């Protein structure tokens, strides 16, 4: 298989990245550090080079984990992290986009990641109390200081993306995108393409729904993040499960797994899209790589678009407390 790559500013990355949040357990028990060490080294051996973390994930523990495991192969990695949400002095989750906070968070992330420079650094959420120019200005200072290479933003609207881009070139926008989360199609995808920004798609497998692995929310462990998400609850989940029969049939017709079908659909949308599925096993890593070999016909793409879209999926992606933090265009 020819290795496919895509661009994030000056960075060349594998067409599929590795979302590392799951290694700190938001969807149940994470793998052990020994298992994670083996997993990330296997990822590098398979050609993966983009690893995505954040100060928020595990309240810094996820960055520490990557720092310990990847330090000896740092030259093979494109490390992406995020600032703006972190654990405060009271041990609580806090959103803070003030310049001094972002610079402090970056310095802490550099220490945890055991590196001198973060390749791609995102503003994790826009703090509405702080003008976007001020937050991006702080990241610009970090670029000038050689502490980060490329600037990204996460979960923002096309309008805010353009405002941020006027302050400094924005190399990537990260937001949720998959067959069952299509908000980016309103404006953001086209805006990214027009300004030369990559679109990094997190939760490209619908937090496991599009793999067929979540059919009964009562079987999720008590601390599973999905239990707080409306799409995985009650009547919404029941309605959404009805979509999987047709989806499973399309995967079977294309001789691929359900996960591969979802990733192949995403890769077919545009060459500036980079999905970052999570992976906790070697099987997941190999399965995801296999998606790059799948060529979906226009007829298949049309069938998928008709089957799973903003009108057929039941429930919003987040509850109201999280939703109010976002600056994204949302389908009604």
C-alpha atoms as a PDB file:
ATOM      1  CA  UNK A   1       0.000   0.000   0.000  1.00  0.00           C
ATOM      2  CA  UNK A   2       1.299   3.442  -0.913  1.00  0.00           C
ATOM      3  CA  UNK A   3       1.534   5.569   2.233  1.00  0.00           C
ATOM      4  CA  UNK A   4      -0.875   8.480   1.924  1.00  0.00           C
ATOM      5  CA  UNK A   5      -0.061  11.777   3.590  1.00  0.00           C
ATOM      6  CA  UNK A   6      -1.777  15.109   4.015  1.00  0.00           C
ATOM      7  CA  UNK A   7      -0.592  18.583   4.992  1.00  0.00           C
ATOM      8  CA  UNK A   8      -1.058  20.663   8.136  1.00  0.00           C
ATOM      9  CA  UNK A   9       0.742  23.905   7.427  1.00  0.00           C
ATOM     10  CA  UNK A  10       4.423  22.994   7.083  1.00  0.00           C
ATOM     11  CA  UNK A  11       3.809  19.518   8.526  1.00  0.00           C
ATOM     12  CA  UNK A  12       3.323  16.350   6.495  1.00  0.00           C
ATOM     13  CA  UNK A  13       1.216  13.797   8.337  1.00  0.00           C
ATOM     14  CA  UNK A  14      -0.189  10.326   7.790  1.00  0.00           C
ATOM     15  CA  UNK A  15      -3.689  10.640   6.308  1.00  0.00           C
ATOM     16  CA  UNK A  16      -5.120   9.144   9.505  1.00  0.00           C
ATOM     17  CA  UNK A  17      -3.909  10.248  12.924  1.00  0.00           C
ATOM     18  CA  UNK A  18      -4.211   8.781  16.405  1.00  0.00           C
ATOM     19  CA  UNK A  19      -6.568  10.429  18.872  1.00  0.00           C
ATOM     20  CA  UNK A  20      -5.003   9.716  22.255  1.00  0.00           C
ATOM     21  CA  UNK A  21      -7.759  10.789  24.632  1.00  0.00           C
ATOM     22  CA  UNK A  22      -9.037   7.223  24.989  1.00  0.00           C
ATOM     23  CA  UNK A  23      -5.705   6.216  26.503  1.00  0.00           C
ATOM     24  CA  UNK A  24      -6.744   8.134  29.626  1.00  0.00           C
ATOM     25  CA  UNK A  25     -10.105   6.428  30.011  1.00  0.00           C
ATOM     26  CA  UNK A  26     -13.118   8.633  29.098  1.00  0.00           C
ATOM     27  CA  UNK A  27     -14.772   5.592  27.520  1.00  0.00           C
ATOM     28  CA  UNK A  28     -14.035   3.066  30.246  1.00  0.00           C
ATOM     29  CA  UNK A  29     -10.883   1.417  31.544  1.00  0.00           C
ATOM     30  CA  UNK A  30      -7.808   2.484  29.528  1.00  0.00           C
ATOM     31  CA  UNK A  31      -4.993   0.119  28.560  1.00  0.00           C
ATOM     32  CA  UNK A  32      -2.073  -0.187  30.970  1.00  0.00           C
ATOM     33  CA  UNK A  33       1.046   1.892  30.388  1.00  0.00           C
ATOM     34  CA  UNK A  34       2.858  -1.228  29.193  1.00  0.00           C
ATOM     35  CA  UNK A  35       0.075  -1.909  26.687  1.00  0.00           C
ATOM     36  CA  UNK A  36       0.003   1.741  25.618  1.00  0.00           C
ATOM     37  CA  UNK A  37       3.786   1.761  25.117  1.00  0.00           C
ATOM     38  CA  UNK A  38       3.531  -1.227  22.819  1.00  0.00           C
ATOM     39  CA  UNK A  39       0.524   0.294  21.031  1.00  0.00           C
ATOM     40  CA  UNK A  40       2.121   3.671  20.242  1.00  0.00           C
ATOM     41  CA  UNK A  41       5.338   2.072  19.050  1.00  0.00           C
ATOM     42  CA  UNK A  42       3.302  -0.210  16.809  1.00  0.00           C
ATOM     43  CA  UNK A  43       1.482   2.858  15.495  1.00  0.00           C
ATOM     44  CA  UNK A  44       4.798   4.435  14.500  1.00  0.00           C
ATOM     45  CA  UNK A  45       5.892   1.187  12.885  1.00  0.00           C
ATOM     46  CA  UNK A  46       2.693   1.162  10.792  1.00  0.00           C
ATOM     47  CA  UNK A  47       3.369   4.696   9.538  1.00  0.00           C
ATOM     48  CA  UNK A  48       1.204   6.778  11.854  1.00  0.00           C
ATOM     49  CA  UNK A  49       2.921   9.985  12.911  1.00  0.00           C
ATOM     50  CA  UNK A  50       0.199  12.391  14.112  1.00  0.00           C
ATOM     51  CA  UNK A  51      -0.614  11.950  17.811  1.00  0.00           C
ATOM     52  CA  UNK A  52      -3.303  14.185  19.295  1.00  0.00           C
ATOM     53  CA  UNK A  53      -3.565  15.051  22.999  1.00  0.00           C
ATOM     54  CA  UNK A  54      -4.513  18.031  25.202  1.00  0.00           C
ATOM     55  CA  UNK A  55      -3.824  19.538  28.598  1.00  0.00           C
ATOM     56  CA  UNK A  56      -7.405  18.576  29.477  1.00  0.00           C
ATOM     57  CA  UNK A  57      -7.057  14.854  28.784  1.00  0.00           C
ATOM     58  CA  UNK A  58      -6.513  13.095  32.075  1.00  0.00           C
ATOM     59  CA  UNK A  59      -5.827  16.576  33.475  1.00  0.00           C
ATOM     60  CA  UNK A  60      -2.293  16.439  32.075  1.00  0.00           C
ATOM     61  CA  UNK A  61      -1.732  12.710  32.544  1.00  0.00           C
ATOM     62  CA  UNK A  62      -2.294  11.996  28.853  1.00  0.00           C
ATOM     63  CA  UNK A  63       0.518  14.383  27.883  1.00  0.00           C
ATOM     64  CA  UNK A  64       2.781  12.811  30.525  1.00  0.00           C
ATOM     65  CA  UNK A  65       2.022   9.370  29.114  1.00  0.00           C
ATOM     66  CA  UNK A  66       2.902  10.415  25.566  1.00  0.00           C
ATOM     67  CA  UNK A  67       6.015  12.192  26.806  1.00  0.00           C
ATOM     68  CA  UNK A  68       7.326   9.087  28.525  1.00  0.00           C
ATOM     69  CA  UNK A  69       6.533   6.739  25.642  1.00  0.00           C
ATOM     70  CA  UNK A  70       7.419   8.839  22.594  1.00  0.00           C
ATOM     71  CA  UNK A  71      10.504  10.717  23.813  1.00  0.00           C
ATOM     72  CA  UNK A  72      12.925   8.246  22.219  1.00  0.00           C
ATOM     73  CA  UNK A  73      11.126   8.429  18.863  1.00  0.00           C
ATOM     74  CA  UNK A  74      10.253  12.119  18.975  1.00  0.00           C
ATOM     75  CA  UNK A  75      11.783  12.715  15.534  1.00  0.00           C
ATOM     76  CA  UNK A  76       9.174  10.371  14.034  1.00  0.00           C
ATOM     77  CA  UNK A  77       6.203  12.145  15.620  1.00  0.00           C
ATOM     78  CA  UNK A  78       4.000  15.114  14.889  1.00  0.00           C
ATOM     79  CA  UNK A  79       2.724  16.028  18.341  1.00  0.00           C
ATOM     80  CA  UNK A  80      -0.518  17.976  18.616  1.00  0.00           C
ATOM     81  CA  UNK A  81      -1.840  19.328  21.897  1.00  0.00           C
ATOM     82  CA  UNK A  82      -4.349  21.923  23.060  1.00  0.00           C
ATOM     83  CA  UNK A  83      -4.634  24.754  25.546  1.00  0.00           C
ATOM     84  CA  UNK A  84      -7.485  26.739  27.028  1.00  0.00           C
ATOM     85  CA  UNK A  85      -9.087  23.988  29.128  1.00  0.00           C
ATOM     86  CA  UNK A  86      -7.134  22.535  32.040  1.00  0.00           C
ATOM     87  CA  UNK A  87      -7.216  21.521  35.706  1.00  0.00           C
ATOM     88  CA  UNK A  88      -7.116  24.575  37.946  1.00  0.00           C
ATOM     89  CA  UNK A  89      -5.627  24.880  41.431  1.00  0.00           C
ATOM     90  CA  UNK A  90      -8.857  23.467  42.914  1.00  0.00           C
ATOM     91  CA  UNK A  91      -8.548  20.351  40.778  1.00  0.00           C
ATOM     92  CA  UNK A  92     -11.489  21.365  38.598  1.00  0.00           C
ATOM     93  CA  UNK A  93     -11.957  21.692  34.835  1.00  0.00           C
ATOM     94  CA  UNK A  94     -11.599  25.336  33.806  1.00  0.00           C
ATOM     95  CA  UNK A  95     -11.953  27.227  30.514  1.00  0.00           C
ATOM     96  CA  UNK A  96      -9.527  30.158  30.356  1.00  0.00           C
ATOM     97  CA  UNK A  97      -8.298  31.779  27.138  1.00  0.00           C
ATOM     98  CA  UNK A  98      -6.321  34.661  28.615  1.00  0.00           C
ATOM     99  CA  UNK A  99      -2.882  35.053  26.989  1.00  0.00           C
ATOM    100  CA  UNK A 100      -0.952  34.568  30.223  1.00  0.00           C
ATOM    101  CA  UNK A 101      -2.871  31.348  30.923  1.00  0.00           C
ATOM    102  CA  UNK A 102      -2.257  29.942  27.443  1.00  0.00           C
ATOM    103  CA  UNK A 103       1.475  30.645  27.647  1.00  0.00           C
ATOM    104  CA  UNK A 104       1.656  29.074  31.121  1.00  0.00           C
ATOM    105  CA  UNK A 105      -0.274  26.018  29.908  1.00  0.00           C
ATOM    106  CA  UNK A 106       2.063  25.611  26.927  1.00  0.00           C
ATOM    107  CA  UNK A 107       5.131  25.647  29.142  1.00  0.00           C
ATOM    108  CA  UNK A 108       3.545  22.996  31.358  1.00  0.00           C
ATOM    109  CA  UNK A 109       2.636  20.890  28.310  1.00  0.00           C
ATOM    110  CA  UNK A 110       6.191  21.094  26.977  1.00  0.00           C
ATOM    111  CA  UNK A 111       7.473  19.696  30.277  1.00  0.00           C
ATOM    112  CA  UNK A 112       4.898  16.921  30.357  1.00  0.00           C
ATOM    113  CA  UNK A 113       5.529  15.975  26.717  1.00  0.00           C
ATOM    114  CA  UNK A 114       9.311  16.041  27.297  1.00  0.00           C
ATOM    115  CA  UNK A 115       9.909  18.123  24.189  1.00  0.00           C
ATOM    116  CA  UNK A 116      11.217  21.557  23.255  1.00  0.00           C
ATOM    117  CA  UNK A 117       8.515  22.266  20.695  1.00  0.00           C
ATOM    118  CA  UNK A 118       4.907  21.220  20.076  1.00  0.00           C
ATOM    119  CA  UNK A 119       4.284  20.736  16.366  1.00  0.00           C
ATOM    120  CA  UNK A 120       0.604  21.728  16.342  1.00  0.00           C
ATOM    121  CA  UNK A 121      -0.979  23.640  19.207  1.00  0.00           C
ATOM    122  CA  UNK A 122      -4.716  24.291  19.323  1.00  0.00           C
ATOM    123  CA  UNK A 123      -6.870  26.720  21.229  1.00  0.00           C
ATOM    124  CA  UNK A 124      -9.115  23.984  22.629  1.00  0.00           C
ATOM    125  CA  UNK A 125     -12.163  26.214  23.066  1.00  0.00           C
ATOM    126  CA  UNK A 126     -12.760  29.899  22.551  1.00  0.00           C
ATOM    127  CA  UNK A 127     -13.197  31.681  25.885  1.00  0.00           C
ATOM    128  CA  UNK A 128     -15.955  34.181  25.091  1.00  0.00           C
ATOM    129  CA  UNK A 129     -14.647  36.530  27.780  1.00  0.00           C
ATOM    130  CA  UNK A 130     -11.425  37.005  25.803  1.00  0.00           C
ATOM    131  CA  UNK A 131     -11.276  38.462  22.261  1.00  0.00           C
ATOM    132  CA  UNK A 132     -10.038  35.817  19.856  1.00  0.00           C
ATOM    133  CA  UNK A 133      -7.266  38.200  18.736  1.00  0.00           C
ATOM    134  CA  UNK A 134      -5.806  38.109  22.243  1.00  0.00           C
ATOM    135  CA  UNK A 135      -5.825  34.334  22.528  1.00  0.00           C
ATOM    136  CA  UNK A 136      -4.349  33.822  19.063  1.00  0.00           C
ATOM    137  CA  UNK A 137      -1.862  36.602  19.779  1.00  0.00           C
ATOM    138  CA  UNK A 138      -0.507  34.543  22.666  1.00  0.00           C
ATOM    139  CA  UNK A 139      -0.107  31.520  20.395  1.00  0.00           C
ATOM    140  CA  UNK A 140       1.637  33.740  17.862  1.00  0.00           C
ATOM    141  CA  UNK A 141       4.126  34.699  20.583  1.00  0.00           C
ATOM    142  CA  UNK A 142       4.731  31.005  21.223  1.00  0.00           C
ATOM    143  CA  UNK A 143       5.469  30.470  17.527  1.00  0.00           C
ATOM    144  CA  UNK A 144       7.916  33.359  17.563  1.00  0.00           C
ATOM    145  CA  UNK A 145       9.567  31.904  20.684  1.00  0.00           C
ATOM    146  CA  UNK A 146      10.017  28.560  18.909  1.00  0.00           C
ATOM    147  CA  UNK A 147       7.808  26.691  21.376  1.00  0.00           C
ATOM    148  CA  UNK A 148       5.141  25.710  18.835  1.00  0.00           C
ATOM    149  CA  UNK A 149       5.296  25.307  15.065  1.00  0.00           C
ATOM    150  CA  UNK A 150       1.697  25.576  13.852  1.00  0.00           C
ATOM    151  CA  UNK A 151      -1.464  27.084  15.358  1.00  0.00           C
ATOM    152  CA  UNK A 152      -4.850  25.401  15.367  1.00  0.00           C
ATOM    153  CA  UNK A 153      -8.308  26.121  16.749  1.00  0.00           C
ATOM    154  CA  UNK A 154     -10.980  23.694  17.898  1.00  0.00           C
ATOM    155  CA  UNK A 155     -14.782  23.751  17.762  1.00  0.00           C
ATOM    156  CA  UNK A 156     -15.170  27.220  16.268  1.00  0.00           C
ATOM    157  CA  UNK A 157     -17.407  28.639  13.564  1.00  0.00           C
ATOM    158  CA  UNK A 158     -16.289  29.694  10.101  1.00  0.00           C
ATOM    159  CA  UNK A 159     -16.613  33.337  11.150  1.00  0.00           C
ATOM    160  CA  UNK A 160     -14.353  32.928  14.164  1.00  0.00           C
ATOM    161  CA  UNK A 161     -11.888  30.873  12.117  1.00  0.00           C
ATOM    162  CA  UNK A 162     -11.496  33.772   9.678  1.00  0.00           C
ATOM    163  CA  UNK A 163     -11.037  36.227  12.568  1.00  0.00           C
ATOM    164  CA  UNK A 164      -8.352  34.040  14.087  1.00  0.00           C
ATOM    165  CA  UNK A 165      -6.673  33.587  10.692  1.00  0.00           C
ATOM    166  CA  UNK A 166      -6.362  37.362  10.283  1.00  0.00           C
ATOM    167  CA  UNK A 167      -4.259  37.469  13.457  1.00  0.00           C
ATOM    168  CA  UNK A 168      -2.033  34.527  12.464  1.00  0.00           C
ATOM    169  CA  UNK A 169      -2.189  31.760   9.919  1.00  0.00           C
ATOM    170  CA  UNK A 170      -4.370  28.928  11.257  1.00  0.00           C
ATOM    171  CA  UNK A 171      -3.024  25.613  10.006  1.00  0.00           C
ATOM    172  CA  UNK A 172      -5.778  23.357  11.322  1.00  0.00           C
ATOM    173  CA  UNK A 173      -9.272  23.415  12.685  1.00  0.00           C
ATOM    174  CA  UNK A 174     -10.326  20.443  14.790  1.00  0.00           C
ATOM    175  CA  UNK A 175     -13.952  19.526  15.259  1.00  0.00           C
ATOM    176  CA  UNK A 176     -16.175  16.474  15.350  1.00  0.00           C
ATOM    177  CA  UNK A 177     -17.029  15.146  11.900  1.00  0.00           C
ATOM    178  CA  UNK A 178     -18.425  11.833  10.767  1.00  0.00           C
ATOM    179  CA  UNK A 179     -21.454  10.476   8.968  1.00  0.00           C
ATOM    180  CA  UNK A 180     -23.586  11.211  12.015  1.00  0.00           C
ATOM    181  CA  UNK A 181     -22.102  14.615  12.886  1.00  0.00           C
ATOM    182  CA  UNK A 182     -22.295  16.837   9.818  1.00  0.00           C
ATOM    183  CA  UNK A 183     -22.174  20.368  11.258  1.00  0.00           C
ATOM    184  CA  UNK A 184     -18.854  21.124   9.569  1.00  0.00           C
ATOM    185  CA  UNK A 185     -20.564  20.888   6.203  1.00  0.00           C
ATOM    186  CA  UNK A 186     -22.492  24.111   6.809  1.00  0.00           C
ATOM    187  CA  UNK A 187     -19.502  26.432   6.340  1.00  0.00           C
ATOM    188  CA  UNK A 188     -16.373  25.318   8.180  1.00  0.00           C
ATOM    189  CA  UNK A 189     -15.107  22.690   5.728  1.00  0.00           C
ATOM    190  CA  UNK A 190     -15.227  25.098   2.801  1.00  0.00           C
ATOM    191  CA  UNK A 191     -13.705  27.904   4.867  1.00  0.00           C
ATOM    192  CA  UNK A 192     -10.797  25.681   5.893  1.00  0.00           C
ATOM    193  CA  UNK A 193     -10.136  24.818   2.278  1.00  0.00           C
ATOM    194  CA  UNK A 194     -10.316  28.439   1.154  1.00  0.00           C
ATOM    195  CA  UNK A 195      -7.694  29.627   3.675  1.00  0.00           C
ATOM    196  CA  UNK A 196      -5.452  26.564   3.341  1.00  0.00           C
ATOM    197  CA  UNK A 197      -6.270  25.093   6.731  1.00  0.00           C
ATOM    198  CA  UNK A 198      -6.529  21.349   7.366  1.00  0.00           C
ATOM    199  CA  UNK A 199      -9.700  20.007   8.959  1.00  0.00           C
ATOM    200  CA  UNK A 200      -8.862  17.477  11.681  1.00  0.00           C
ATOM    201  CA  UNK A 201     -11.890  15.304  12.385  1.00  0.00           C
ATOM    202  CA  UNK A 202     -12.172  13.951  15.901  1.00  0.00           C
ATOM    203  CA  UNK A 203     -14.603  11.154  16.814  1.00  0.00           C
ATOM    204  CA  UNK A 204     -14.714  10.051  13.149  1.00  0.00           C
ATOM    205  CA  UNK A 205     -16.261   6.736  14.243  1.00  0.00           C
ATOM    206  CA  UNK A 206     -19.120   8.415  16.104  1.00  0.00           C
ATOM    207  CA  UNK A 207     -17.543   7.578  19.491  1.00  0.00           C
ATOM    208  CA  UNK A 208     -17.837   3.917  18.587  1.00  0.00           C
ATOM    209  CA  UNK A 209     -21.430   4.013  17.343  1.00  0.00           C
ATOM    210  CA  UNK A 210     -20.399   3.670  13.686  1.00  0.00           C
ATOM    211  CA  UNK A 211     -18.386   0.545  14.519  1.00  0.00           C
ATOM    212  CA  UNK A 212     -21.488  -1.174  15.869  1.00  0.00           C
ATOM    213  CA  UNK A 213     -19.896  -1.577  19.292  1.00  0.00           C
ATOM    214  CA  UNK A 214     -22.434   0.499  21.235  1.00  0.00           C
ATOM    215  CA  UNK A 215     -25.891  -1.032  21.087  1.00  0.00           C
ATOM    216  CA  UNK A 216     -26.893  -0.943  24.746  1.00  0.00           C
ATOM    217  CA  UNK A 217     -25.958   2.020  26.940  1.00  0.00           C
ATOM    218  CA  UNK A 218     -26.589  -0.029  30.093  1.00  0.00           C
ATOM    219  CA  UNK A 219     -23.450  -2.009  29.245  1.00  0.00           C
ATOM    220  CA  UNK A 220     -21.229   1.095  29.330  1.00  0.00           C
ATOM    221  CA  UNK A 221     -19.167   1.517  32.494  1.00  0.00           C
ATOM    222  CA  UNK A 222     -20.286   4.141  34.997  1.00  0.00           C
ATOM    223  CA  UNK A 223     -17.631   6.741  34.071  1.00  0.00           C
ATOM    224  CA  UNK A 224     -18.098   6.410  30.297  1.00  0.00           C
ATOM    225  CA  UNK A 225     -18.382   9.884  28.768  1.00  0.00           C
ATOM    226  CA  UNK A 226     -21.027   8.682  26.321  1.00  0.00           C
ATOM    227  CA  UNK A 227     -23.547   8.295  29.129  1.00  0.00           C
ATOM    228  CA  UNK A 228     -23.728  12.116  29.256  1.00  0.00           C
ATOM    229  CA  UNK A 229     -24.402  12.417  25.513  1.00  0.00           C
ATOM    230  CA  UNK A 230     -28.026  12.556  24.312  1.00  0.00           C
ATOM    231  CA  UNK A 231     -27.444  10.370  21.247  1.00  0.00           C
ATOM    232  CA  UNK A 232     -26.567   7.418  23.468  1.00  0.00           C
ATOM    233  CA  UNK A 233     -29.604   7.786  25.698  1.00  0.00           C
ATOM    234  CA  UNK A 234     -33.107   6.297  25.677  1.00  0.00           C
ATOM    235  CA  UNK A 235     -35.261   6.897  22.634  1.00  0.00           C
ATOM    236  CA  UNK A 236     -32.437   8.636  20.785  1.00  0.00           C
ATOM    237  CA  UNK A 237     -30.235   5.554  20.942  1.00  0.00           C
ATOM    238  CA  UNK A 238     -33.130   3.296  19.967  1.00  0.00           C
ATOM    239  CA  UNK A 239     -33.829   5.447  16.910  1.00  0.00           C
ATOM    240  CA  UNK A 240     -30.163   5.655  15.945  1.00  0.00           C
ATOM    241  CA  UNK A 241     -29.665   1.901  16.169  1.00  0.00           C
ATOM    242  CA  UNK A 242     -32.164   1.494  13.329  1.00  0.00           C
ATOM    243  CA  UNK A 243     -29.599   3.104  11.019  1.00  0.00           C
ATOM    244  CA  UNK A 244     -27.047   0.359  11.573  1.00  0.00           C
ATOM    245  CA  UNK A 245     -28.739  -2.393   9.570  1.00  0.00           C
ATOM    246  CA  UNK A 246     -28.398  -0.526   6.291  1.00  0.00           C
ATOM    247  CA  UNK A 247     -24.945   0.692   7.258  1.00  0.00           C
ATOM    248  CA  UNK A 248     -23.782  -2.839   8.044  1.00  0.00           C
ATOM    249  CA  UNK A 249     -25.026  -4.022   4.654  1.00  0.00           C
ATOM    250  CA  UNK A 250     -23.068  -1.304   2.836  1.00  0.00           C
ATOM    251  CA  UNK A 251     -19.897  -2.264   4.715  1.00  0.00           C
ATOM    252  CA  UNK A 252     -20.396  -5.900   3.797  1.00  0.00           C
ATOM    253  CA  UNK A 253     -20.935  -5.017   0.127  1.00  0.00           C
ATOM    254  CA  UNK A 254     -17.634  -3.107   0.129  1.00  0.00           C
ATOM    255  CA  UNK A 255     -15.709  -5.907   1.874  1.00  0.00           C
ATOM    256  CA  UNK A 256     -14.724  -3.731   4.789  1.00  0.00           C
ATOM    257  CA  UNK A 257     -15.474  -3.282   8.464  1.00  0.00           C
ATOM    258  CA  UNK A 258     -17.935  -0.680   9.696  1.00  0.00           C
ATOM    259  CA  UNK A 259     -15.062   1.395  11.076  1.00  0.00           C
ATOM    260  CA  UNK A 260     -13.246   1.276   7.740  1.00  0.00           C
ATOM    261  CA  UNK A 261     -16.389   2.350   5.919  1.00  0.00           C
ATOM    262  CA  UNK A 262     -16.736   5.410   8.150  1.00  0.00           C
ATOM    263  CA  UNK A 263     -13.086   6.425   7.682  1.00  0.00           C
ATOM    264  CA  UNK A 264     -13.180   5.777   3.925  1.00  0.00           C
ATOM    265  CA  UNK A 265     -16.230   8.015   3.675  1.00  0.00           C
ATOM    266  CA  UNK A 266     -14.382  10.789   5.513  1.00  0.00           C
ATOM    267  CA  UNK A 267     -11.211  10.487   3.439  1.00  0.00           C
ATOM    268  CA  UNK A 268     -13.329  10.685   0.280  1.00  0.00           C
ATOM    269  CA  UNK A 269     -14.868  14.033   1.259  1.00  0.00           C
ATOM    270  CA  UNK A 270     -11.724  16.112   0.648  1.00  0.00           C
ATOM    271  CA  UNK A 271      -7.946  15.837   0.753  1.00  0.00           C
ATOM    272  CA  UNK A 272      -7.721  18.492   3.482  1.00  0.00           C
ATOM    273  CA  UNK A 273      -9.571  16.268   5.992  1.00  0.00           C
ATOM    274  CA  UNK A 274      -7.531  14.202   8.482  1.00  0.00           C
ATOM    275  CA  UNK A 275      -9.500  11.861  10.771  1.00  0.00           C
ATOM    276  CA  UNK A 276      -8.020  11.033  14.169  1.00  0.00           C
ATOM    277  CA  UNK A 277      -9.805   7.938  15.492  1.00  0.00           C
ATOM    278  CA  UNK A 278      -8.843   6.623  18.880  1.00  0.00           C
ATOM    279  CA  UNK A 279      -7.214   3.222  19.134  1.00  0.00           C
ATOM    280  CA  UNK A 280      -6.570   1.038  22.141  1.00  0.00           C
ATOM    281  CA  UNK A 281      -5.483  -2.168  20.364  1.00  0.00           C
ATOM    282  CA  UNK A 282      -3.204  -3.158  17.498  1.00  0.00           C
ATOM    283  CA  UNK A 283      -6.287  -4.517  15.744  1.00  0.00           C
ATOM    284  CA  UNK A 284      -7.800  -1.017  15.767  1.00  0.00           C
ATOM    285  CA  UNK A 285      -4.602   0.495  14.335  1.00  0.00           C
ATOM    286  CA  UNK A 286      -4.378  -2.035  11.516  1.00  0.00           C
ATOM    287  CA  UNK A 287      -8.090  -1.813  10.778  1.00  0.00           C
ATOM    288  CA  UNK A 288      -7.952   1.983  10.503  1.00  0.00           C
ATOM    289  CA  UNK A 289      -4.932   1.868   8.168  1.00  0.00           C
ATOM    290  CA  UNK A 290      -6.912  -0.489   5.942  1.00  0.00           C
ATOM    291  CA  UNK A 291      -9.480   2.238   5.338  1.00  0.00           C
ATOM    292  CA  UNK A 292      -6.980   4.008   3.062  1.00  0.00           C
ATOM    293  CA  UNK A 293      -7.172   1.136   0.583  1.00  0.00           C
ATOM    294  CA  UNK A 294     -10.951   1.387   0.191  1.00  0.00           C
ATOM    295  CA  UNK A 295     -12.314   3.305  -2.789  1.00  0.00           C
ATOM    296  CA  UNK A 296     -16.010   4.051  -2.425  1.00  0.00           C
ATOM    297  CA  UNK A 297     -18.074   4.591  -5.573  1.00  0.00           C
ATOM    298  CA  UNK A 298     -20.204   7.700  -5.971  1.00  0.00           C
ATOM    299  CA  UNK A 299     -23.260   5.482  -5.657  1.00  0.00           C
ATOM    300  CA  UNK A 300     -22.035   4.136  -2.327  1.00  0.00           C
ATOM    301  CA  UNK A 301     -21.240   7.628  -1.070  1.00  0.00           C
ATOM    302  CA  UNK A 302     -24.731   8.774  -2.035  1.00  0.00           C
ATOM    303  CA  UNK A 303     -26.305   5.829  -0.225  1.00  0.00           C
ATOM    304  CA  UNK A 304     -24.324   6.567   2.922  1.00  0.00           C
ATOM    305  CA  UNK A 305     -25.225  10.255   2.807  1.00  0.00           C
ATOM    306  CA  UNK A 306     -28.907   9.418   2.439  1.00  0.00           C
ATOM    307  CA  UNK A 307     -28.840   6.853   5.243  1.00  0.00           C
ATOM    308  CA  UNK A 308     -26.982   8.720   7.995  1.00  0.00           C
ATOM    309  CA  UNK A 309     -27.160  12.514   8.092  1.00  0.00           C
ATOM    310  CA  UNK A 310     -28.307  15.449  10.215  1.00  0.00           C
ATOM    311  CA  UNK A 311     -31.949  14.638   9.511  1.00  0.00           C
ATOM    312  CA  UNK A 312     -31.837  10.922  10.316  1.00  0.00           C
ATOM    313  CA  UNK A 313     -29.720  11.008  13.503  1.00  0.00           C
ATOM    314  CA  UNK A 314     -31.640  11.478  16.732  1.00  0.00           C
ATOM    315  CA  UNK A 315     -30.373  13.768  19.485  1.00  0.00           C
ATOM    316  CA  UNK A 316     -27.732  16.526  19.804  1.00  0.00           C
ATOM    317  CA  UNK A 317     -24.105  15.500  20.195  1.00  0.00           C
ATOM    318  CA  UNK A 318     -23.617  17.180  23.579  1.00  0.00           C
ATOM    319  CA  UNK A 319     -25.724  18.107  26.573  1.00  0.00           C
ATOM    320  CA  UNK A 320     -26.486  21.799  27.204  1.00  0.00           C
ATOM    321  CA  UNK A 321     -23.553  22.473  29.568  1.00  0.00           C
ATOM    322  CA  UNK A 322     -20.943  21.484  26.976  1.00  0.00           C
ATOM    323  CA  UNK A 323     -22.914  22.799  24.018  1.00  0.00           C
ATOM    324  CA  UNK A 324     -22.825  26.342  25.382  1.00  0.00           C
ATOM    325  CA  UNK A 325     -19.013  26.334  25.213  1.00  0.00           C
ATOM    326  CA  UNK A 326     -18.980  25.783  21.449  1.00  0.00           C
ATOM    327  CA  UNK A 327     -18.862  28.406  18.734  1.00  0.00           C
ATOM    328  CA  UNK A 328     -19.848  26.040  15.940  1.00  0.00           C
ATOM    329  CA  UNK A 329     -22.676  26.277  13.459  1.00  0.00           C
ATOM    330  CA  UNK A 330     -25.246  23.673  14.480  1.00  0.00           C
ATOM    331  CA  UNK A 331     -27.893  21.935  12.432  1.00  0.00           C
ATOM    332  CA  UNK A 332     -31.402  22.378  13.829  1.00  0.00           C
END
